[in-house]
């Protein structure tokens, strides 16, 4: 699965040295990719109600997403956010 996902990255016109994240919900893992190679693997937790794109379904959305903005860069580990503000 991961090799196929890495191959598909060619279709996105990314810079050669761009960092990419791929998540495999079947095995609950996140892969940090650069230059077509897996640099690191992390455990993740996706929604317990599964994968899906229906609004307000509480499912983890599938598909290709771009990270638009980073929030919480100075937050302590395990800080929770609501409305982009720490709670």
PDB file of N, CA and C in Angstrom:
ATOM      1  N   UNK A   1       0.822  -1.187   0.000  1.00  0.00           N
ATOM      2  CA  UNK A   1       0.000   0.000   0.000  1.00  0.00           C
ATOM      3  C   UNK A   1       0.865   1.249   0.000  1.00  0.00           C
ATOM      4  N   UNK A   2       1.880   1.306   0.857  1.00  0.00           N
ATOM      5  CA  UNK A   2       2.696   2.510   0.964  1.00  0.00           C
ATOM      6  C   UNK A   2       3.475   2.764  -0.323  1.00  0.00           C
ATOM      7  N   UNK A   3       3.981   1.728  -0.952  1.00  0.00           N
ATOM      8  CA  UNK A   3       4.733   1.905  -2.200  1.00  0.00           C
ATOM      9  C   UNK A   3       3.831   2.487  -3.287  1.00  0.00           C
ATOM     10  N   UNK A   4       2.600   2.019  -3.369  1.00  0.00           N
ATOM     11  CA  UNK A   4       1.661   2.542  -4.359  1.00  0.00           C
ATOM     12  C   UNK A   4       1.331   4.006  -4.063  1.00  0.00           C
ATOM     13  N   UNK A   5       1.148   4.345  -2.793  1.00  0.00           N
ATOM     14  CA  UNK A   5       0.857   5.728  -2.421  1.00  0.00           C
ATOM     15  C   UNK A   5       2.029   6.647  -2.756  1.00  0.00           C
ATOM     16  N   UNK A   6       3.248   6.193  -2.519  1.00  0.00           N
ATOM     17  CA  UNK A   6       4.434   6.986  -2.851  1.00  0.00           C
ATOM     18  C   UNK A   6       4.506   7.206  -4.358  1.00  0.00           C
ATOM     19  N   UNK A   7       4.219   6.168  -5.127  1.00  0.00           N
ATOM     20  CA  UNK A   7       4.245   6.285  -6.583  1.00  0.00           C
ATOM     21  C   UNK A   7       3.234   7.325  -7.064  1.00  0.00           C
ATOM     22  N   UNK A   8       2.062   7.379  -6.460  1.00  0.00           N
ATOM     23  CA  UNK A   8       1.015   8.322  -6.859  1.00  0.00           C
ATOM     24  C   UNK A   8       1.392   9.772  -6.561  1.00  0.00           C
ATOM     25  N   UNK A   9       2.366   9.993  -5.693  1.00  0.00           N
ATOM     26  CA  UNK A   9       2.777  11.357  -5.369  1.00  0.00           C
ATOM     27  C   UNK A   9       3.285  12.105  -6.592  1.00  0.00           C
ATOM     28  N   UNK A  10       3.758  11.375  -7.591  1.00  0.00           N
ATOM     29  CA  UNK A  10       4.260  11.999  -8.818  1.00  0.00           C
ATOM     30  C   UNK A  10       3.182  12.842  -9.493  1.00  0.00           C
ATOM     31  N   UNK A  11       1.915  12.509  -9.268  1.00  0.00           N
ATOM     32  CA  UNK A  11       0.802  13.200  -9.915  1.00  0.00           C
ATOM     33  C   UNK A  11       0.487  14.562  -9.291  1.00  0.00           C
ATOM     34  N   UNK A  12       1.151  14.915  -8.186  1.00  0.00           N
ATOM     35  CA  UNK A  12       0.787  16.118  -7.458  1.00  0.00           C
ATOM     36  C   UNK A  12       1.713  17.293  -7.703  1.00  0.00           C
ATOM     37  N   UNK A  13       2.726  17.134  -8.528  1.00  0.00           N
ATOM     38  CA  UNK A  13       3.616  18.242  -8.852  1.00  0.00           C
ATOM     39  C   UNK A  13       4.339  18.814  -7.655  1.00  0.00           C
ATOM     40  N   UNK A  14       4.712  17.970  -6.719  1.00  0.00           N
ATOM     41  CA  UNK A  14       5.422  18.426  -5.527  1.00  0.00           C
ATOM     42  C   UNK A  14       6.871  18.733  -5.846  1.00  0.00           C
ATOM     43  N   UNK A  15       7.463  19.622  -5.067  1.00  0.00           N
ATOM     44  CA  UNK A  15       8.893  19.860  -5.192  1.00  0.00           C
ATOM     45  C   UNK A  15       9.615  18.577  -4.812  1.00  0.00           C
ATOM     46  N   UNK A  16      10.751  18.334  -5.430  1.00  0.00           N
ATOM     47  CA  UNK A  16      11.487  17.085  -5.201  1.00  0.00           C
ATOM     48  C   UNK A  16      11.840  16.892  -3.727  1.00  0.00           C
ATOM     49  N   UNK A  17      12.124  17.987  -3.032  1.00  0.00           N
ATOM     50  CA  UNK A  17      12.545  17.843  -1.634  1.00  0.00           C
ATOM     51  C   UNK A  17      11.400  18.101  -0.642  1.00  0.00           C
ATOM     52  N   UNK A  18      10.150  18.053  -1.110  1.00  0.00           N
ATOM     53  CA  UNK A  18       9.002  18.295  -0.234  1.00  0.00           C
ATOM     54  C   UNK A  18       8.804  17.134   0.733  1.00  0.00           C
ATOM     55  N   UNK A  19       8.411  17.472   1.944  1.00  0.00           N
ATOM     56  CA  UNK A  19       8.017  16.452   2.913  1.00  0.00           C
ATOM     57  C   UNK A  19       6.557  16.107   2.660  1.00  0.00           C
ATOM     58  N   UNK A  20       6.213  14.832   2.772  1.00  0.00           N
ATOM     59  CA  UNK A  20       4.855  14.352   2.540  1.00  0.00           C
ATOM     60  C   UNK A  20       4.490  13.419   3.680  1.00  0.00           C
ATOM     61  N   UNK A  21       3.223  13.463   4.070  1.00  0.00           N
ATOM     62  CA  UNK A  21       2.704  12.545   5.090  1.00  0.00           C
ATOM     63  C   UNK A  21       1.678  11.643   4.426  1.00  0.00           C
ATOM     64  N   UNK A  22       1.803  10.355   4.649  1.00  0.00           N
ATOM     65  CA  UNK A  22       0.815   9.378   4.187  1.00  0.00           C
ATOM     66  C   UNK A  22       0.348   8.618   5.418  1.00  0.00           C
ATOM     67  N   UNK A  23      -0.959   8.475   5.551  1.00  0.00           N
ATOM     68  CA  UNK A  23      -1.525   7.737   6.682  1.00  0.00           C
ATOM     69  C   UNK A  23      -2.209   6.491   6.158  1.00  0.00           C
ATOM     70  N   UNK A  24      -1.902   5.367   6.775  1.00  0.00           N
ATOM     71  CA  UNK A  24      -2.553   4.102   6.442  1.00  0.00           C
ATOM     72  C   UNK A  24      -3.458   3.726   7.614  1.00  0.00           C
ATOM     73  N   UNK A  25      -4.779   3.987   7.495  1.00  0.00           N
ATOM     74  CA  UNK A  25      -5.677   3.690   8.607  1.00  0.00           C
ATOM     75  C   UNK A  25      -5.832   2.204   8.888  1.00  0.00           C
ATOM     76  N   UNK A  26      -5.541   1.355   7.916  1.00  0.00           N
ATOM     77  CA  UNK A  26      -5.670  -0.089   8.128  1.00  0.00           C
ATOM     78  C   UNK A  26      -4.697  -0.582   9.189  1.00  0.00           C
ATOM     79  N   UNK A  27      -3.522   0.037   9.252  1.00  0.00           N
ATOM     80  CA  UNK A  27      -2.519  -0.376  10.240  1.00  0.00           C
ATOM     81  C   UNK A  27      -2.234   0.728  11.253  1.00  0.00           C
ATOM     82  N   UNK A  28      -3.004   1.845  11.162  1.00  0.00           N
ATOM     83  CA  UNK A  28      -2.881   2.962  12.097  1.00  0.00           C
ATOM     84  C   UNK A  28      -1.447   3.496  12.157  1.00  0.00           C
ATOM     85  N   UNK A  29      -0.891   3.796  10.970  1.00  0.00           N
ATOM     86  CA  UNK A  29       0.466   4.319  10.893  1.00  0.00           C
ATOM     87  C   UNK A  29       0.522   5.551   9.999  1.00  0.00           C
ATOM     88  N   UNK A  30       1.424   6.477  10.356  1.00  0.00           N
ATOM     89  CA  UNK A  30       1.721   7.663   9.571  1.00  0.00           C
ATOM     90  C   UNK A  30       3.141   7.520   9.073  1.00  0.00           C
ATOM     91  N   UNK A  31       3.362   7.837   7.804  1.00  0.00           N
ATOM     92  CA  UNK A  31       4.686   7.739   7.197  1.00  0.00           C
ATOM     93  C   UNK A  31       5.137   9.133   6.776  1.00  0.00           C
ATOM     94  N   UNK A  32       6.322   9.522   7.187  1.00  0.00           N
ATOM     95  CA  UNK A  32       6.923  10.768   6.751  1.00  0.00           C
ATOM     96  C   UNK A  32       7.808  10.433   5.563  1.00  0.00           C
ATOM     97  N   UNK A  33       7.516  11.068   4.424  1.00  0.00           N
ATOM     98  CA  UNK A  33       8.167  10.746   3.152  1.00  0.00           C
ATOM     99  C   UNK A  33       8.938  11.964   2.650  1.00  0.00           C
ATOM    100  N   UNK A  34      10.099  11.729   2.074  1.00  0.00           N
ATOM    101  CA  UNK A  34      10.837  12.764   1.359  1.00  0.00           C
ATOM    102  C   UNK A  34      11.620  12.087   0.252  1.00  0.00           C
ATOM    103  N   UNK A  35      11.571  12.682  -0.937  1.00  0.00           N
ATOM    104  CA  UNK A  35      12.265  12.119  -2.101  1.00  0.00           C
ATOM    105  C   UNK A  35      11.887  10.660  -2.349  1.00  0.00           C
ATOM    106  N   UNK A  36      10.620  10.310  -2.103  1.00  0.00           N
ATOM    107  CA  UNK A  36      10.132   8.966  -2.372  1.00  0.00           C
ATOM    108  C   UNK A  36      10.553   7.908  -1.371  1.00  0.00           C
ATOM    109  N   UNK A  37      11.166   8.322  -0.255  1.00  0.00           N
ATOM    110  CA  UNK A  37      11.615   7.361   0.749  1.00  0.00           C
ATOM    111  C   UNK A  37      10.924   7.631   2.086  1.00  0.00           C
ATOM    112  N   UNK A  38      10.610   6.561   2.806  1.00  0.00           N
ATOM    113  CA  UNK A  38      10.028   6.692   4.142  1.00  0.00           C
ATOM    114  C   UNK A  38      11.149   7.052   5.110  1.00  0.00           C
ATOM    115  N   UNK A  39      11.041   8.238   5.715  1.00  0.00           N
ATOM    116  CA  UNK A  39      12.036   8.677   6.679  1.00  0.00           C
ATOM    117  C   UNK A  39      11.731   8.186   8.082  1.00  0.00           C
ATOM    118  N   UNK A  40      10.438   8.158   8.415  1.00  0.00           N
ATOM    119  CA  UNK A  40      10.041   7.781   9.764  1.00  0.00           C
ATOM    120  C   UNK A  40       8.610   7.268   9.733  1.00  0.00           C
ATOM    121  N   UNK A  41       8.284   6.380  10.654  1.00  0.00           N
ATOM    122  CA  UNK A  41       6.933   5.846  10.802  1.00  0.00           C
ATOM    123  C   UNK A  41       6.465   6.135  12.221  1.00  0.00           C
ATOM    124  N   UNK A  42       5.213   6.597  12.344  1.00  0.00           N
ATOM    125  CA  UNK A  42       4.643   6.916  13.646  1.00  0.00           C
ATOM    126  C   UNK A  42       3.306   6.207  13.809  1.00  0.00           C
ATOM    127  N   UNK A  43       2.963   5.798  15.023  1.00  0.00           N
ATOM    128  CA  UNK A  43       1.617   5.271  15.264  1.00  0.00           C
ATOM    129  C   UNK A  43       0.627   6.431  15.295  1.00  0.00           C
ATOM    130  N   UNK A  44      -0.573   6.224  14.769  1.00  0.00           N
ATOM    131  CA  UNK A  44      -1.641   7.226  14.798  1.00  0.00           C
ATOM    132  C   UNK A  44      -2.937   6.555  15.208  1.00  0.00           C
ATOM    133  N   UNK A  45      -3.912   7.377  15.490  1.00  0.00           N
ATOM    134  CA  UNK A  45      -5.239   6.870  15.812  1.00  0.00           C
ATOM    135  C   UNK A  45      -6.250   7.609  14.951  1.00  0.00           C
ATOM    136  N   UNK A  46      -6.923   6.877  14.077  1.00  0.00           N
ATOM    137  CA  UNK A  46      -7.973   7.470  13.259  1.00  0.00           C
ATOM    138  C   UNK A  46      -9.315   7.215  13.941  1.00  0.00           C
ATOM    139  N   UNK A  47     -10.364   7.761  13.404  1.00  0.00           N
ATOM    140  CA  UNK A  47     -11.679   7.682  14.032  1.00  0.00           C
ATOM    141  C   UNK A  47     -12.129   6.240  14.269  1.00  0.00           C
ATOM    142  N   UNK A  48     -12.734   6.024  15.416  1.00  0.00           N
ATOM    143  CA  UNK A  48     -13.239   4.680  15.729  1.00  0.00           C
ATOM    144  C   UNK A  48     -14.456   4.316  14.897  1.00  0.00           C
ATOM    145  N   UNK A  49     -15.075   5.332  14.234  1.00  0.00           N
ATOM    146  CA  UNK A  49     -16.233   5.046  13.376  1.00  0.00           C
ATOM    147  C   UNK A  49     -15.836   4.902  11.917  1.00  0.00           C
ATOM    148  N   UNK A  50     -14.535   4.889  11.661  1.00  0.00           N
ATOM    149  CA  UNK A  50     -14.068   4.569  10.321  1.00  0.00           C
ATOM    150  C   UNK A  50     -13.662   5.763   9.478  1.00  0.00           C
ATOM    151  N   UNK A  51     -13.535   5.500   8.188  1.00  0.00           N
ATOM    152  CA  UNK A  51     -13.081   6.468   7.200  1.00  0.00           C
ATOM    153  C   UNK A  51     -14.280   6.909   6.379  1.00  0.00           C
ATOM    154  N   UNK A  52     -14.357   8.189   6.066  1.00  0.00           N
ATOM    155  CA  UNK A  52     -15.454   8.668   5.232  1.00  0.00           C
ATOM    156  C   UNK A  52     -15.400  10.167   5.050  1.00  0.00           C
ATOM    157  N   UNK A  53     -16.203  10.664   4.129  1.00  0.00           N
ATOM    158  CA  UNK A  53     -16.166  12.088   3.810  1.00  0.00           C
ATOM    159  C   UNK A  53     -17.494  12.797   4.045  1.00  0.00           C
ATOM    160  N   UNK A  54     -18.428  12.160   4.712  1.00  0.00           N
ATOM    161  CA  UNK A  54     -19.709  12.794   5.002  1.00  0.00           C
ATOM    162  C   UNK A  54     -19.520  13.800   6.128  1.00  0.00           C
ATOM    163  N   UNK A  55     -19.965  15.043   5.901  1.00  0.00           N
ATOM    164  CA  UNK A  55     -19.822  16.097   6.898  1.00  0.00           C
ATOM    165  C   UNK A  55     -20.502  15.712   8.209  1.00  0.00           C
ATOM    166  N   UNK A  56     -19.844  16.003   9.315  1.00  0.00           N
ATOM    167  CA  UNK A  56     -20.337  15.741  10.675  1.00  0.00           C
ATOM    168  C   UNK A  56     -20.526  14.261  10.994  1.00  0.00           C
ATOM    169  N   UNK A  57     -19.882  13.378  10.242  1.00  0.00           N
ATOM    170  CA  UNK A  57     -20.004  11.942  10.495  1.00  0.00           C
ATOM    171  C   UNK A  57     -19.006  11.462  11.547  1.00  0.00           C
ATOM    172  N   UNK A  58     -18.060  12.312  11.917  1.00  0.00           N
ATOM    173  CA  UNK A  58     -16.990  11.986  12.865  1.00  0.00           C
ATOM    174  C   UNK A  58     -16.050  10.915  12.325  1.00  0.00           C
ATOM    175  N   UNK A  59     -16.050  10.733  11.020  1.00  0.00           N
ATOM    176  CA  UNK A  59     -15.133   9.792  10.388  1.00  0.00           C
ATOM    177  C   UNK A  59     -13.870  10.539   9.968  1.00  0.00           C
ATOM    178  N   UNK A  60     -12.781   9.811   9.851  1.00  0.00           N
ATOM    179  CA  UNK A  60     -11.541  10.386   9.354  1.00  0.00           C
ATOM    180  C   UNK A  60     -11.672  10.553   7.845  1.00  0.00           C
ATOM    181  N   UNK A  61     -11.475  11.784   7.340  1.00  0.00           N
ATOM    182  CA  UNK A  61     -11.627  11.977   5.896  1.00  0.00           C
ATOM    183  C   UNK A  61     -10.505  11.318   5.108  1.00  0.00           C
ATOM    184  N   UNK A  62     -10.860  10.692   4.004  1.00  0.00           N
ATOM    185  CA  UNK A  62      -9.864  10.084   3.130  1.00  0.00           C
ATOM    186  C   UNK A  62      -9.541  11.082   2.032  1.00  0.00           C
ATOM    187  N   UNK A  63      -8.509  10.811   1.312  1.00  0.00           N
ATOM    188  CA  UNK A  63      -8.173  11.656   0.180  1.00  0.00           C
ATOM    189  C   UNK A  63      -6.852  12.377   0.363  1.00  0.00           C
ATOM    190  N   UNK A  64      -6.598  13.300  -0.541  1.00  0.00           N
ATOM    191  CA  UNK A  64      -5.361  14.065  -0.535  1.00  0.00           C
ATOM    192  C   UNK A  64      -5.643  15.437   0.056  1.00  0.00           C
ATOM    193  N   UNK A  65      -4.835  15.837   1.000  1.00  0.00           N
ATOM    194  CA  UNK A  65      -5.019  17.104   1.693  1.00  0.00           C
ATOM    195  C   UNK A  65      -3.688  17.840   1.762  1.00  0.00           C
ATOM    196  N   UNK A  66      -3.746  19.151   1.714  1.00  0.00           N
ATOM    197  CA  UNK A  66      -2.553  19.969   1.908  1.00  0.00           C
ATOM    198  C   UNK A  66      -2.651  20.638   3.270  1.00  0.00           C
ATOM    199  N   UNK A  67      -1.535  20.721   3.944  1.00  0.00           N
ATOM    200  CA  UNK A  67      -1.500  21.416   5.230  1.00  0.00           C
ATOM    201  C   UNK A  67      -1.393  22.901   4.926  1.00  0.00           C
ATOM    202  N   UNK A  68      -2.390  23.650   5.335  1.00  0.00           N
ATOM    203  CA  UNK A  68      -2.440  25.071   5.035  1.00  0.00           C
ATOM    204  C   UNK A  68      -1.733  25.906   6.093  1.00  0.00           C
ATOM    205  N   UNK A  69      -1.883  25.510   7.352  1.00  0.00           N
ATOM    206  CA  UNK A  69      -1.345  26.316   8.438  1.00  0.00           C
ATOM    207  C   UNK A  69      -1.017  25.419   9.625  1.00  0.00           C
ATOM    208  N   UNK A  70       0.064  25.744  10.305  1.00  0.00           N
ATOM    209  CA  UNK A  70       0.437  25.021  11.509  1.00  0.00           C
ATOM    210  C   UNK A  70       0.025  25.852  12.709  1.00  0.00           C
ATOM    211  N   UNK A  71      -0.666  25.215  13.648  1.00  0.00           N
ATOM    212  CA  UNK A  71      -1.018  25.889  14.891  1.00  0.00           C
ATOM    213  C   UNK A  71      -0.406  25.125  16.055  1.00  0.00           C
ATOM    214  N   UNK A  72      -0.218  25.798  17.147  1.00  0.00           N
ATOM    215  CA  UNK A  72       0.258  25.130  18.352  1.00  0.00           C
ATOM    216  C   UNK A  72       1.727  24.797  18.365  1.00  0.00           C
ATOM    217  N   UNK A  73       2.535  25.493  17.560  1.00  0.00           N
ATOM    218  CA  UNK A  73       3.954  25.196  17.492  1.00  0.00           C
ATOM    219  C   UNK A  73       4.688  25.313  18.822  1.00  0.00           C
ATOM    220  N   UNK A  74       4.207  26.181  19.698  1.00  0.00           N
ATOM    221  CA  UNK A  74       4.846  26.360  21.003  1.00  0.00           C
ATOM    222  C   UNK A  74       4.082  25.693  22.134  1.00  0.00           C
ATOM    223  N   UNK A  75       3.056  24.927  21.798  1.00  0.00           N
ATOM    224  CA  UNK A  75       2.242  24.271  22.822  1.00  0.00           C
ATOM    225  C   UNK A  75       2.989  23.097  23.438  1.00  0.00           C
ATOM    226  N   UNK A  76       2.658  22.825  24.688  1.00  0.00           N
ATOM    227  CA  UNK A  76       3.226  21.662  25.366  1.00  0.00           C
ATOM    228  C   UNK A  76       2.680  20.387  24.720  1.00  0.00           C
ATOM    229  N   UNK A  77       3.447  19.300  24.740  1.00  0.00           N
ATOM    230  CA  UNK A  77       2.948  18.032  24.191  1.00  0.00           C
ATOM    231  C   UNK A  77       1.603  17.649  24.827  1.00  0.00           C
ATOM    232  N   UNK A  78       0.736  17.048  24.035  1.00  0.00           N
ATOM    233  CA  UNK A  78      -0.594  16.567  24.418  1.00  0.00           C
ATOM    234  C   UNK A  78      -1.602  17.684  24.670  1.00  0.00           C
ATOM    235  N   UNK A  79      -1.276  18.921  24.305  1.00  0.00           N
ATOM    236  CA  UNK A  79      -2.237  20.012  24.412  1.00  0.00           C
ATOM    237  C   UNK A  79      -3.367  19.785  23.422  1.00  0.00           C
ATOM    238  N   UNK A  80      -4.611  19.919  23.896  1.00  0.00           N
ATOM    239  CA  UNK A  80      -5.781  19.783  23.020  1.00  0.00           C
ATOM    240  C   UNK A  80      -6.197  21.166  22.549  1.00  0.00           C
ATOM    241  N   UNK A  81      -6.764  21.226  21.340  1.00  0.00           N
ATOM    242  CA  UNK A  81      -7.197  22.486  20.762  1.00  0.00           C
ATOM    243  C   UNK A  81      -8.672  22.418  20.401  1.00  0.00           C
ATOM    244  N   UNK A  82      -9.338  23.536  20.551  1.00  0.00           N
ATOM    245  CA  UNK A  82     -10.723  23.682  20.099  1.00  0.00           C
ATOM    246  C   UNK A  82     -10.806  25.047  19.443  1.00  0.00           C
ATOM    247  N   UNK A  83     -11.269  25.079  18.198  1.00  0.00           N
ATOM    248  CA  UNK A  83     -11.332  26.337  17.486  1.00  0.00           C
ATOM    249  C   UNK A  83      -9.964  26.991  17.353  1.00  0.00           C
ATOM    250  N   UNK A  84      -8.941  26.158  17.187  1.00  0.00           N
ATOM    251  CA  UNK A  84      -7.540  26.602  17.012  1.00  0.00           C
ATOM    252  C   UNK A  84      -6.926  27.206  18.252  1.00  0.00           C
ATOM    253  N   UNK A  85      -7.629  27.113  19.398  1.00  0.00           N
ATOM    254  CA  UNK A  85      -7.120  27.647  20.658  1.00  0.00           C
ATOM    255  C   UNK A  85      -6.904  26.502  21.639  1.00  0.00           C
ATOM    256  N   UNK A  86      -5.816  26.571  22.437  1.00  0.00           N
ATOM    257  CA  UNK A  86      -5.568  25.514  23.422  1.00  0.00           C
ATOM    258  C   UNK A  86      -6.654  25.512  24.497  1.00  0.00           C
ATOM    259  N   UNK A  87      -7.039  24.326  24.908  1.00  0.00           N
ATOM    260  CA  UNK A  87      -8.059  24.214  25.980  1.00  0.00           C
ATOM    261  C   UNK A  87      -7.491  23.417  27.143  1.00  0.00           C
TER     262      UNK A  87
END
